[in-house]
Structures are given as structure tokens and as C-alpha cells.
C-alpha atoms as a PDB file:
ATOM      1  CA  MET A   1     146.822  40.912 204.696  1.00  0.00           C
ATOM      2  CA  GLN A   2     147.510  41.130 200.851  1.00  0.00           C
ATOM      3  CA  LYS A   3     145.620  44.335 198.949  1.00  0.00           C
ATOM      4  CA  PRO A   4     143.011  43.705 196.795  1.00  0.00           C
ATOM      5  CA  VAL A   5     143.594  43.714 192.953  1.00  0.00           C
ATOM      6  CA  ARG A   6     142.856  47.518 191.876  1.00  0.00           C
ATOM      7  CA  PRO A   7     139.376  47.609 190.121  1.00  0.00           C
ATOM      8  CA  THR A   8     139.305  48.447 186.391  1.00  0.00           C
ATOM      9  CA  GLY A   9     137.166  51.447 187.171  1.00  0.00           C
ATOM     10  CA  VAL A  10     139.913  53.161 189.579  1.00  0.00           C
ATOM     11  CA  THR A  11     142.456  52.338 186.569  1.00  0.00           C
ATOM     12  CA  VAL A  12     140.046  54.329 184.311  1.00  0.00           C
ATOM     13  CA  LEU A  13     139.581  57.028 187.018  1.00  0.00           C
ATOM     14  CA  GLY A  14     143.403  57.458 187.370  1.00  0.00           C
ATOM     15  CA  VAL A  15     144.303  57.624 183.716  1.00  0.00           C
ATOM     16  CA  LEU A  16     141.361  60.496 183.369  1.00  0.00           C
ATOM     17  CA  GLN A  17     142.810  62.233 186.556  1.00  0.00           C
ATOM     18  CA  ILE A  18     146.338  62.365 185.239  1.00  0.00           C
ATOM     19  CA  LEU A  19     145.169  63.416 181.680  1.00  0.00           C
ATOM     20  CA  GLY A  20     143.193  66.019 183.132  1.00  0.00           C
ATOM     21  CA  GLY A  21     146.409  67.138 184.981  1.00  0.00           C
ATOM     22  CA  VAL A  22     148.715  67.105 182.279  1.00  0.00           C
ATOM     23  CA  PHE A  23     145.870  69.469 180.365  1.00  0.00           C
ATOM     24  CA  GLY A  24     145.269  71.296 183.547  1.00  0.00           C
ATOM     25  CA  LEU A  25     148.809  72.242 183.314  1.00  0.00           C
ATOM     26  CA  LEU A  26     149.147  72.687 179.965  1.00  0.00           C
ATOM     27  CA  GLY A  27     146.475  75.389 180.011  1.00  0.00           C
ATOM     28  CA  GLY A  28     147.637  76.942 183.119  1.00  0.00           C
ATOM     29  CA  GLY A  29     150.876  77.162 181.638  1.00  0.00           C
ATOM     30  CA  VAL A  30     149.374  79.249 178.398  1.00  0.00           C
ATOM     31  CA  LEU A  31     147.422  81.139 180.144  1.00  0.00           C
ATOM     32  CA  LEU A  32     150.142  82.472 182.700  1.00  0.00           C
ATOM     33  CA  ALA A  33     152.282  82.943 179.834  1.00  0.00           C
ATOM     34  CA  ALA A  34     149.430  84.935 177.800  1.00  0.00           C
ATOM     35  CA  ALA A  35     149.308  87.206 181.073  1.00  0.00           C
ATOM     36  CA  ALA A  36     153.158  88.083 181.097  1.00  0.00           C
ATOM     37  CA  ILE A  37     152.500  88.866 177.027  1.00  0.00           C
ATOM     38  CA  ILE A  38     149.311  90.794 177.663  1.00  0.00           C
ATOM     39  CA  GLY A  39     150.979  92.770 180.653  1.00  0.00           C
ATOM     40  CA  SER A  40     154.325  93.571 178.835  1.00  0.00           C
ATOM     41  CA  SER A  41     154.665  97.114 177.767  1.00  0.00           C
ATOM     42  CA  SER A  42     155.153  96.302 174.455  1.00  0.00           C
ATOM     43  CA  PHE A  43     151.765  94.569 173.799  1.00  0.00           C
ATOM     44  CA  THR A  44     150.139  97.564 175.066  1.00  0.00           C
ATOM     45  CA  SER A  45     152.483 100.159 172.835  1.00  0.00           C
ATOM     46  CA  GLN A  46     151.153  97.895 169.990  1.00  0.00           C
ATOM     47  CA  TYR A  47     147.292  98.287 170.707  1.00  0.00           C
ATOM     48  CA  THR A  48     147.009 101.273 171.409  1.00  0.00           C
ATOM     49  CA  GLY A  49     143.391 101.115 171.575  1.00  0.00           C
ATOM     50  CA  LEU A  50     144.084  99.406 175.026  1.00  0.00           C
ATOM     51  CA  SER A  51     144.229 101.662 177.872  1.00  0.00           C
ATOM     52  CA  GLY A  52     146.813 100.374 180.587  1.00  0.00           C
ATOM     53  CA  TYR A  53     144.177  99.589 183.276  1.00  0.00           C
ATOM     54  CA  THR A  54     142.099  97.313 180.469  1.00  0.00           C
ATOM     55  CA  THR A  55     145.521  95.088 179.927  1.00  0.00           C
ATOM     56  CA  SER A  56     146.469  95.111 183.693  1.00  0.00           C
ATOM     57  CA  THR A  57     143.366  93.743 184.490  1.00  0.00           C
ATOM     58  CA  LEU A  58     143.158  91.310 181.827  1.00  0.00           C
ATOM     59  CA  SER A  59     146.510  89.977 182.762  1.00  0.00           C
ATOM     60  CA  ALA A  60     145.690  89.851 186.441  1.00  0.00           C
ATOM     61  CA  ILE A  61     142.657  87.614 185.466  1.00  0.00           C
ATOM     62  CA  PHE A  62     144.698  85.656 183.103  1.00  0.00           C
ATOM     63  CA  TYR A  63     147.139  84.950 185.898  1.00  0.00           C
ATOM     64  CA  ALA A  64     144.610  83.984 188.185  1.00  0.00           C
ATOM     65  CA  PHE A  65     142.879  81.596 185.715  1.00  0.00           C
ATOM     66  CA  GLY A  66     146.560  80.332 184.891  1.00  0.00           C
ATOM     67  CA  ALA A  67     147.331  79.542 188.336  1.00  0.00           C
ATOM     68  CA  PHE A  68     144.035  78.113 189.442  1.00  0.00           C
ATOM     69  CA  LEU A  69     144.508  75.226 186.265  1.00  0.00           C
ATOM     70  CA  LEU A  70     148.118  74.954 187.364  1.00  0.00           C
ATOM     71  CA  ILE A  71     146.595  74.141 191.137  1.00  0.00           C
ATOM     72  CA  LEU A  72     143.793  72.128 189.506  1.00  0.00           C
ATOM     73  CA  GLY A  73     146.666  70.135 187.288  1.00  0.00           C
ATOM     74  CA  ILE A  74     148.960  69.225 189.916  1.00  0.00           C
ATOM     75  CA  LEU A  75     145.588  68.028 192.070  1.00  0.00           C
ATOM     76  CA  GLY A  76     144.847  65.899 188.739  1.00  0.00           C
ATOM     77  CA  LEU A  77     148.444  64.359 188.825  1.00  0.00           C
ATOM     78  CA  VAL A  78     148.354  64.205 192.576  1.00  0.00           C
ATOM     79  CA  ILE A  79     144.983  62.138 192.757  1.00  0.00           C
ATOM     80  CA  GLY A  80     145.662  60.029 189.300  1.00  0.00           C
ATOM     81  CA  ILE A  81     148.881  58.481 190.924  1.00  0.00           C
ATOM     82  CA  GLY A  82     147.443  58.062 194.017  1.00  0.00           C
ATOM     83  CA  PHE A  83     145.082  55.990 192.203  1.00  0.00           C
ATOM     84  CA  PHE A  84     147.212  53.809 190.931  1.00  0.00           C
ATOM     85  CA  GLY A  85     148.840  53.100 194.198  1.00  0.00           C
ATOM     86  CA  GLY A  86     145.488  52.515 195.910  1.00  0.00           C
ATOM     87  CA  LYS A  87     146.220  55.137 198.596  1.00  0.00           C
ATOM     88  CA  GLY A  88     143.512  56.201 200.810  1.00  0.00           C
ATOM     89  CA  TRP A  89     144.495  59.940 200.861  1.00  0.00           C
ATOM     90  CA  ALA A  90     143.889  59.555 196.920  1.00  0.00           C
ATOM     91  CA  TRP A  91     140.560  58.329 197.482  1.00  0.00           C
ATOM     92  CA  MET A  92     139.657  61.036 200.269  1.00  0.00           C
ATOM     93  CA  LEU A  93     140.531  63.798 198.204  1.00  0.00           C
ATOM     94  CA  ALA A  94     138.876  62.596 195.214  1.00  0.00           C
ATOM     95  CA  ILE A  95     135.730  62.480 197.218  1.00  0.00           C
ATOM     96  CA  VAL A  96     136.328  65.970 198.710  1.00  0.00           C
ATOM     97  CA  VAL A  97     137.257  67.081 194.947  1.00  0.00           C
ATOM     98  CA  GLY A  98     133.959  65.664 193.778  1.00  0.00           C
ATOM     99  CA  ILE A  99     131.712  67.221 196.304  1.00  0.00           C
ATOM    100  CA  ILE A 100     133.167  70.920 195.472  1.00  0.00           C
ATOM    101  CA  ASN A 101     132.890  70.176 191.771  1.00  0.00           C
ATOM    102  CA  ILE A 102     129.047  69.172 192.639  1.00  0.00           C
ATOM    103  CA  VAL A 103     128.409  72.363 194.844  1.00  0.00           C
ATOM    104  CA  VAL A 104     130.174  74.367 192.361  1.00  0.00           C
ATOM    105  CA  ASN A 105     128.286  73.161 189.188  1.00  0.00           C
ATOM    106  CA  ILE A 106     124.984  73.862 191.057  1.00  0.00           C
ATOM    107  CA  VAL A 107     125.970  77.138 191.972  1.00  0.00           C
ATOM    108  CA  GLU A 108     126.827  77.739 188.139  1.00  0.00           C
ATOM    109  CA  ILE A 109     123.417  76.258 187.281  1.00  0.00           C
ATOM    110  CA  VAL A 110     121.555  78.686 190.056  1.00  0.00           C
ATOM    111  CA  ILE A 111     123.194  82.077 189.297  1.00  0.00           C
ATOM    112  CA  GLY A 112     123.014  81.682 185.322  1.00  0.00           C
ATOM    113  CA  LEU A 113     127.019  80.729 184.164  1.00  0.00           C
ATOM    114  CA  THR A 114     126.529  77.715 182.572  1.00  0.00           C
ATOM    115  CA  SER A 115     123.287  76.012 181.040  1.00  0.00           C
ATOM    116  CA  PRO A 116     121.077  73.822 183.025  1.00  0.00           C
ATOM    117  CA  SER A 117     121.839  71.081 180.696  1.00  0.00           C
ATOM    118  CA  SER A 118     125.831  71.260 180.377  1.00  0.00           C
ATOM    119  CA  GLY A 119     125.476  72.093 184.288  1.00  0.00           C
ATOM    120  CA  ALA A 120     123.741  69.037 184.878  1.00  0.00           C
ATOM    121  CA  ILE A 121     126.108  66.963 183.084  1.00  0.00           C
ATOM    122  CA  GLY A 122     128.777  68.741 185.753  1.00  0.00           C
ATOM    123  CA  VAL A 123     126.793  67.814 188.421  1.00  0.00           C
ATOM    124  CA  VAL A 124     126.317  63.797 187.470  1.00  0.00           C
ATOM    125  CA  ILE A 125     129.292  62.768 186.488  1.00  0.00           C
ATOM    126  CA  PRO A 126     130.678  63.604 189.971  1.00  0.00           C
ATOM    127  CA  ILE A 127     127.849  62.019 191.655  1.00  0.00           C
ATOM    128  CA  ILE A 128     128.398  58.725 189.758  1.00  0.00           C
ATOM    129  CA  ILE A 129     132.442  58.957 190.351  1.00  0.00           C
ATOM    130  CA  ILE A 130     131.722  59.226 194.227  1.00  0.00           C
ATOM    131  CA  TYR A 131     129.120  56.581 193.837  1.00  0.00           C
ATOM    132  CA  TYR A 132     131.702  54.298 192.552  1.00  0.00           C
ATOM    133  CA  LEU A 133     134.195  55.048 194.965  1.00  0.00           C
ATOM    134  CA  THR A 134     131.915  54.413 198.131  1.00  0.00           C
ATOM    135  CA  ARG A 135     131.524  50.596 197.056  1.00  0.00           C
ATOM    136  CA  PRO A 136     132.710  48.288 199.281  1.00  0.00           C
ATOM    137  CA  ARG A 137     134.896  46.380 196.664  1.00  0.00           C
ATOM    138  CA  VAL A 138     136.443  50.029 195.322  1.00  0.00           C
ATOM    139  CA  LYS A 139     136.604  51.168 199.168  1.00  0.00           C
ATOM    140  CA  ALA A 140     138.490  48.081 200.018  1.00  0.00           C
ATOM    141  CA  PHE A 141     141.018  48.516 197.242  1.00  0.00           C
ATOM    142  CA  PHE A 142     141.909  52.211 198.794  1.00  0.00           C
ATOM    143  CA  GLY A 143     141.679  50.690 202.377  1.00  0.00           C
ATOM    144  CA  LYS A 144     138.628  52.403 203.259  1.00  0.00           C
ATOM    145  CA  GLY A 145     136.740  49.882 204.568  1.00  0.00           C
ATOM    146  CA  GLY A 146     136.887  45.522 204.930  1.00  0.00           C
ATOM    147  CA  ALA A 147     137.243  43.533 202.118  1.00  0.00           C
ATOM    148  CA  MET A 148     134.022  41.895 200.726  1.00  0.00           C
ATOM    149  CA  PRO A 149     134.189  38.250 200.847  1.00  0.00           C
ATOM    150  CA  ALA A 150     133.796  36.349 197.639  1.00  0.00           C
ATOM    151  CA  THR A 151     130.840  34.444 199.072  1.00  0.00           C
ATOM    152  CA  PRO A 152     128.474  35.139 202.126  1.00  0.00           C
ATOM    153  CA  MET A 153     129.319  32.962 204.877  1.00  0.00           C
ATOM    154  CA  PRO A 154     126.971  30.863 206.437  1.00  0.00           C
ATOM    155  CA  GLN A 155     125.733  32.033 209.871  1.00  0.00           C
ATOM    156  CA  SER A 156     125.931  28.654 212.165  1.00  0.00           C
ATOM    157  CA  PRO A 157     122.920  29.104 214.789  1.00  0.00           C
ATOM    158  CA  SER A 158     123.842  29.892 218.205  1.00  0.00           C
ATOM    159  CA  MET A 159     122.691  27.759 220.979  1.00  0.00           C
END
């Protein structure tokens, strides 16, 4: 059985995932470098107004966010590459990440970390992506459903 042609939307999502992955890796690297600089003793001695506790706390926060962005960057690259190959695991991973994004964005709205309008965008976009990924033609490309026939088959009456 021949693999279905990759839908254009999957190509777009793959490119966006790879771009997001690259930016995640860059951002994570910048935060990790900033954490190392902030945590260094030379930085603390130059800025005498900052106590050692403040710089170590700030450094730890930068390390945590930097590591988180690196993980998201790697995840984005993996999903994007999987999208181009029509890998079923990439489809499943994208669905799981989309659901996690929806939950995180709703929590951010509820506790007041983001405004309802920007938080709503963060909820709607993953919903649209999940909806698209669950369309029969897209699922068939990832091997998650039967291929859809081009035209409906006429049903013969059974006797």
C-alpha cells in the first residue's frame, strides 16, 4: 500500500515546528549562558547592590527556564521532522503537546498570568491544530486511520 501524499497543512505545521524548535534551542542557550554569567562571582562583585542570594536565585531561575526551552526546542524539532516523514509517533506527540498547551493556557488565564484575550489565542490555536490533525486525510497520512476513498463506493443491495 502506497503512503498518501503529505497534506499541505502538515508541511506548514512541520516547518512551524522546526522553526519553533530552532528558536527554543536559541532561547534556551541564551538563558543558560545568562544564568552562567549571573551566577559567576565576577558578576556579583561588579554589581555590589545584588546580594549573593539574589544572584543565585536569579541564576537558578534562568537555568530552569533555559533547560525548559531547550527541551521544548528539541521536542519541536523532533515533531517537525516526524511530520515530514508522516510518522505516527509525531502525530501522537503533537496531539499530546497540544492538549498540554490547552491546559497550561487555561491555567494561566485562571490564575491571572496572562490576559484573557492573549490566553484565548493560546487555547484556540492548539484546538485548531488538534482538529486539523484529526481529519481523516491527515490521519491517513500518519497511518492513524484508513485511507479515505476518493469517491464514495455505491452500496449494493443485499439479498
